């Protein structure tokens, strides 16, 4: 089975995690799949700008997980980066997958207040909690 790399850009502010919501109502973290032999940084810069209008300032690798990706219909390796960004947070008009951006806290996540993409939930958010990165 092919494994596709997905870069997850984690922005935490006041113990809240930036999430995106699509037309289906499911949430996921900023980031996406690597295209055309991009580096992790190039991918994250592109995806962050496309999805949130933010510009990447810095990124720090915090871990890697494997999961089944319903989006890509294959296994995905989630490379997780804590990032700092600047700019006006908004969904750019050209973005076709993201409909809303907002912040969630751990209590709402654990209380299942939101529908979260399974791969992101199991492979990224649970990792952030386990590693005490998101509290």
C-alpha atoms as a PDB file:
ATOM      1  CA  UNK A   1       0.000   0.000   0.000  1.00  0.00           C
ATOM      2  CA  UNK A   2       1.289   3.439  -0.922  1.00  0.00           C
ATOM      3  CA  UNK A   3       1.879   5.867   1.929  1.00  0.00           C
ATOM      4  CA  UNK A   4       1.200   9.523   1.199  1.00  0.00           C
ATOM      5  CA  UNK A   5       2.796  12.264   3.275  1.00  0.00           C
ATOM      6  CA  UNK A   6       0.491  14.834   4.844  1.00  0.00           C
ATOM      7  CA  UNK A   7       1.921  17.878   6.549  1.00  0.00           C
ATOM      8  CA  UNK A   8      -0.086  19.047   9.572  1.00  0.00           C
ATOM      9  CA  UNK A   9       0.440  22.659  10.604  1.00  0.00           C
ATOM     10  CA  UNK A  10      -0.495  23.139  14.237  1.00  0.00           C
ATOM     11  CA  UNK A  11      -1.292  26.619  15.482  1.00  0.00           C
ATOM     12  CA  UNK A  12      -2.174  26.850  19.180  1.00  0.00           C
ATOM     13  CA  UNK A  13      -3.259  30.115  20.767  1.00  0.00           C
ATOM     14  CA  UNK A  14      -4.466  30.358  24.381  1.00  0.00           C
ATOM     15  CA  UNK A  15      -4.693  26.526  24.489  1.00  0.00           C
ATOM     16  CA  UNK A  16      -7.011  26.546  21.471  1.00  0.00           C
ATOM     17  CA  UNK A  17      -6.170  24.789  18.232  1.00  0.00           C
ATOM     18  CA  UNK A  18      -6.882  26.312  14.822  1.00  0.00           C
ATOM     19  CA  UNK A  19      -9.144  24.036  12.786  1.00  0.00           C
ATOM     20  CA  UNK A  20     -10.809  24.214   9.394  1.00  0.00           C
ATOM     21  CA  UNK A  21     -14.280  23.005   8.464  1.00  0.00           C
ATOM     22  CA  UNK A  22     -15.319  21.820   5.040  1.00  0.00           C
ATOM     23  CA  UNK A  23     -18.657  21.531   3.292  1.00  0.00           C
ATOM     24  CA  UNK A  24     -19.210  18.112   4.913  1.00  0.00           C
ATOM     25  CA  UNK A  25     -18.986  19.648   8.386  1.00  0.00           C
ATOM     26  CA  UNK A  26     -15.813  17.710   9.226  1.00  0.00           C
ATOM     27  CA  UNK A  27     -12.854  19.495  10.832  1.00  0.00           C
ATOM     28  CA  UNK A  28      -9.155  19.131  10.114  1.00  0.00           C
ATOM     29  CA  UNK A  29      -5.895  20.974  10.752  1.00  0.00           C
ATOM     30  CA  UNK A  30      -4.210  23.295   8.247  1.00  0.00           C
ATOM     31  CA  UNK A  31      -1.817  21.528   5.921  1.00  0.00           C
ATOM     32  CA  UNK A  32      -2.078  18.935   3.220  1.00  0.00           C
ATOM     33  CA  UNK A  33      -0.306  16.583   0.893  1.00  0.00           C
ATOM     34  CA  UNK A  34       3.098  17.213  -0.601  1.00  0.00           C
ATOM     35  CA  UNK A  35       2.956  18.013  -4.314  1.00  0.00           C
ATOM     36  CA  UNK A  36       5.618  17.992  -7.028  1.00  0.00           C
ATOM     37  CA  UNK A  37       8.535  17.001  -4.766  1.00  0.00           C
ATOM     38  CA  UNK A  38       7.993  19.941  -2.407  1.00  0.00           C
ATOM     39  CA  UNK A  39       9.850  20.089   0.869  1.00  0.00           C
ATOM     40  CA  UNK A  40       7.760  19.984   4.043  1.00  0.00           C
ATOM     41  CA  UNK A  41       8.294  23.731   4.444  1.00  0.00           C
ATOM     42  CA  UNK A  42       7.256  24.533   0.864  1.00  0.00           C
ATOM     43  CA  UNK A  43       4.117  22.432   1.265  1.00  0.00           C
ATOM     44  CA  UNK A  44       3.190  24.049   4.555  1.00  0.00           C
ATOM     45  CA  UNK A  45       3.788  27.570   3.211  1.00  0.00           C
ATOM     46  CA  UNK A  46       1.580  26.887   0.195  1.00  0.00           C
ATOM     47  CA  UNK A  47      -1.218  25.127   2.077  1.00  0.00           C
ATOM     48  CA  UNK A  48      -1.281  27.667   4.903  1.00  0.00           C
ATOM     49  CA  UNK A  49      -1.625  30.556   2.470  1.00  0.00           C
ATOM     50  CA  UNK A  50      -4.258  28.753   0.361  1.00  0.00           C
ATOM     51  CA  UNK A  51      -6.375  27.671   3.331  1.00  0.00           C
ATOM     52  CA  UNK A  52      -6.006  30.443   5.912  1.00  0.00           C
ATOM     53  CA  UNK A  53      -4.383  33.436   4.177  1.00  0.00           C
ATOM     54  CA  UNK A  54      -1.551  33.265   6.761  1.00  0.00           C
ATOM     55  CA  UNK A  55       2.171  33.442   6.005  1.00  0.00           C
ATOM     56  CA  UNK A  56       4.471  30.921   7.649  1.00  0.00           C
ATOM     57  CA  UNK A  57       7.055  32.473  10.007  1.00  0.00           C
ATOM     58  CA  UNK A  58       8.545  29.345  11.562  1.00  0.00           C
ATOM     59  CA  UNK A  59       7.906  25.636  11.972  1.00  0.00           C
ATOM     60  CA  UNK A  60       9.159  23.045  14.455  1.00  0.00           C
ATOM     61  CA  UNK A  61       8.804  19.299  13.869  1.00  0.00           C
ATOM     62  CA  UNK A  62       7.124  17.593  16.837  1.00  0.00           C
ATOM     63  CA  UNK A  63       6.348  14.119  15.548  1.00  0.00           C
ATOM     64  CA  UNK A  64       5.128  11.733  12.917  1.00  0.00           C
ATOM     65  CA  UNK A  65       2.196   9.325  12.932  1.00  0.00           C
ATOM     66  CA  UNK A  66       0.678   6.838  10.506  1.00  0.00           C
ATOM     67  CA  UNK A  67      -3.001   6.630   9.762  1.00  0.00           C
ATOM     68  CA  UNK A  68      -5.626   5.698   7.186  1.00  0.00           C
ATOM     69  CA  UNK A  69      -6.655   8.705   5.173  1.00  0.00           C
ATOM     70  CA  UNK A  70     -10.261   8.779   3.962  1.00  0.00           C
ATOM     71  CA  UNK A  71      -9.378  11.817   1.890  1.00  0.00           C
ATOM     72  CA  UNK A  72      -6.577  10.118  -0.036  1.00  0.00           C
ATOM     73  CA  UNK A  73      -7.985   6.527   0.191  1.00  0.00           C
ATOM     74  CA  UNK A  74      -4.603   5.237   1.282  1.00  0.00           C
ATOM     75  CA  UNK A  75      -2.320   5.266   4.284  1.00  0.00           C
ATOM     76  CA  UNK A  76      -0.920   8.631   5.267  1.00  0.00           C
ATOM     77  CA  UNK A  77       2.147   9.636   7.191  1.00  0.00           C
ATOM     78  CA  UNK A  78       1.289  12.740   9.203  1.00  0.00           C
ATOM     79  CA  UNK A  79       4.308  14.954   9.756  1.00  0.00           C
ATOM     80  CA  UNK A  80       3.279  17.275  12.554  1.00  0.00           C
ATOM     81  CA  UNK A  81       4.745  20.763  12.917  1.00  0.00           C
ATOM     82  CA  UNK A  82       4.058  23.464  15.473  1.00  0.00           C
ATOM     83  CA  UNK A  83       3.992  26.659  13.488  1.00  0.00           C
ATOM     84  CA  UNK A  84       3.978  30.402  13.911  1.00  0.00           C
ATOM     85  CA  UNK A  85       2.309  32.481  11.248  1.00  0.00           C
ATOM     86  CA  UNK A  86       1.326  36.069  10.550  1.00  0.00           C
ATOM     87  CA  UNK A  87      -1.347  37.818   8.550  1.00  0.00           C
ATOM     88  CA  UNK A  88      -5.113  38.186   8.570  1.00  0.00           C
ATOM     89  CA  UNK A  89      -6.780  34.854   9.359  1.00  0.00           C
ATOM     90  CA  UNK A  90      -9.509  34.220   6.789  1.00  0.00           C
ATOM     91  CA  UNK A  91     -10.611  31.727   4.156  1.00  0.00           C
ATOM     92  CA  UNK A  92      -9.379  33.058   0.796  1.00  0.00           C
ATOM     93  CA  UNK A  93     -12.097  33.353  -1.865  1.00  0.00           C
ATOM     94  CA  UNK A  94     -10.279  30.901  -4.176  1.00  0.00           C
ATOM     95  CA  UNK A  95     -10.234  28.111  -1.547  1.00  0.00           C
ATOM     96  CA  UNK A  96     -12.802  25.490  -2.500  1.00  0.00           C
ATOM     97  CA  UNK A  97     -12.484  22.960   0.340  1.00  0.00           C
ATOM     98  CA  UNK A  98     -12.396  25.165   3.458  1.00  0.00           C
ATOM     99  CA  UNK A  99     -15.611  26.927   4.428  1.00  0.00           C
ATOM    100  CA  UNK A 100     -14.826  28.063   7.968  1.00  0.00           C
ATOM    101  CA  UNK A 101     -11.893  28.571  10.349  1.00  0.00           C
ATOM    102  CA  UNK A 102     -12.164  28.520  14.124  1.00  0.00           C
ATOM    103  CA  UNK A 103     -10.474  27.560  17.373  1.00  0.00           C
ATOM    104  CA  UNK A 104     -11.290  24.529  19.537  1.00  0.00           C
ATOM    105  CA  UNK A 105     -10.124  23.561  23.003  1.00  0.00           C
ATOM    106  CA  UNK A 106      -9.275  20.105  24.349  1.00  0.00           C
ATOM    107  CA  UNK A 107     -12.458  19.930  26.437  1.00  0.00           C
ATOM    108  CA  UNK A 108     -14.650  20.414  23.344  1.00  0.00           C
ATOM    109  CA  UNK A 109     -12.582  17.863  21.421  1.00  0.00           C
ATOM    110  CA  UNK A 110     -12.771  15.216  24.152  1.00  0.00           C
ATOM    111  CA  UNK A 111     -16.478  15.965  24.610  1.00  0.00           C
ATOM    112  CA  UNK A 112     -16.978  15.254  20.894  1.00  0.00           C
ATOM    113  CA  UNK A 113     -18.545  18.670  20.312  1.00  0.00           C
ATOM    114  CA  UNK A 114     -17.264  18.658  16.724  1.00  0.00           C
ATOM    115  CA  UNK A 115     -17.064  16.118  13.907  1.00  0.00           C
ATOM    116  CA  UNK A 116     -13.385  15.701  13.118  1.00  0.00           C
ATOM    117  CA  UNK A 117     -11.854  13.882  10.172  1.00  0.00           C
ATOM    118  CA  UNK A 118     -10.975  10.426  11.544  1.00  0.00           C
ATOM    119  CA  UNK A 119      -7.340  10.449  10.405  1.00  0.00           C
ATOM    120  CA  UNK A 120      -6.742  13.893  11.938  1.00  0.00           C
ATOM    121  CA  UNK A 121      -8.442  12.875  15.172  1.00  0.00           C
ATOM    122  CA  UNK A 122      -6.581   9.603  15.647  1.00  0.00           C
ATOM    123  CA  UNK A 123      -3.227  10.536  14.166  1.00  0.00           C
ATOM    124  CA  UNK A 124      -2.804  14.221  14.984  1.00  0.00           C
ATOM    125  CA  UNK A 125      -5.050  15.484  17.801  1.00  0.00           C
ATOM    126  CA  UNK A 126      -4.620  12.429  20.024  1.00  0.00           C
ATOM    127  CA  UNK A 127      -0.843  12.716  19.483  1.00  0.00           C
ATOM    128  CA  UNK A 128      -0.888  16.400  20.528  1.00  0.00           C
ATOM    129  CA  UNK A 129      -2.723  15.519  23.744  1.00  0.00           C
ATOM    130  CA  UNK A 130      -0.559  12.485  24.518  1.00  0.00           C
ATOM    131  CA  UNK A 131       2.614  14.525  24.047  1.00  0.00           C
ATOM    132  CA  UNK A 132       1.148  17.346  26.183  1.00  0.00           C
ATOM    133  CA  UNK A 133       1.524  19.836  23.337  1.00  0.00           C
ATOM    134  CA  UNK A 134      -2.192  20.720  23.440  1.00  0.00           C
ATOM    135  CA  UNK A 135      -3.865  20.890  26.854  1.00  0.00           C
END
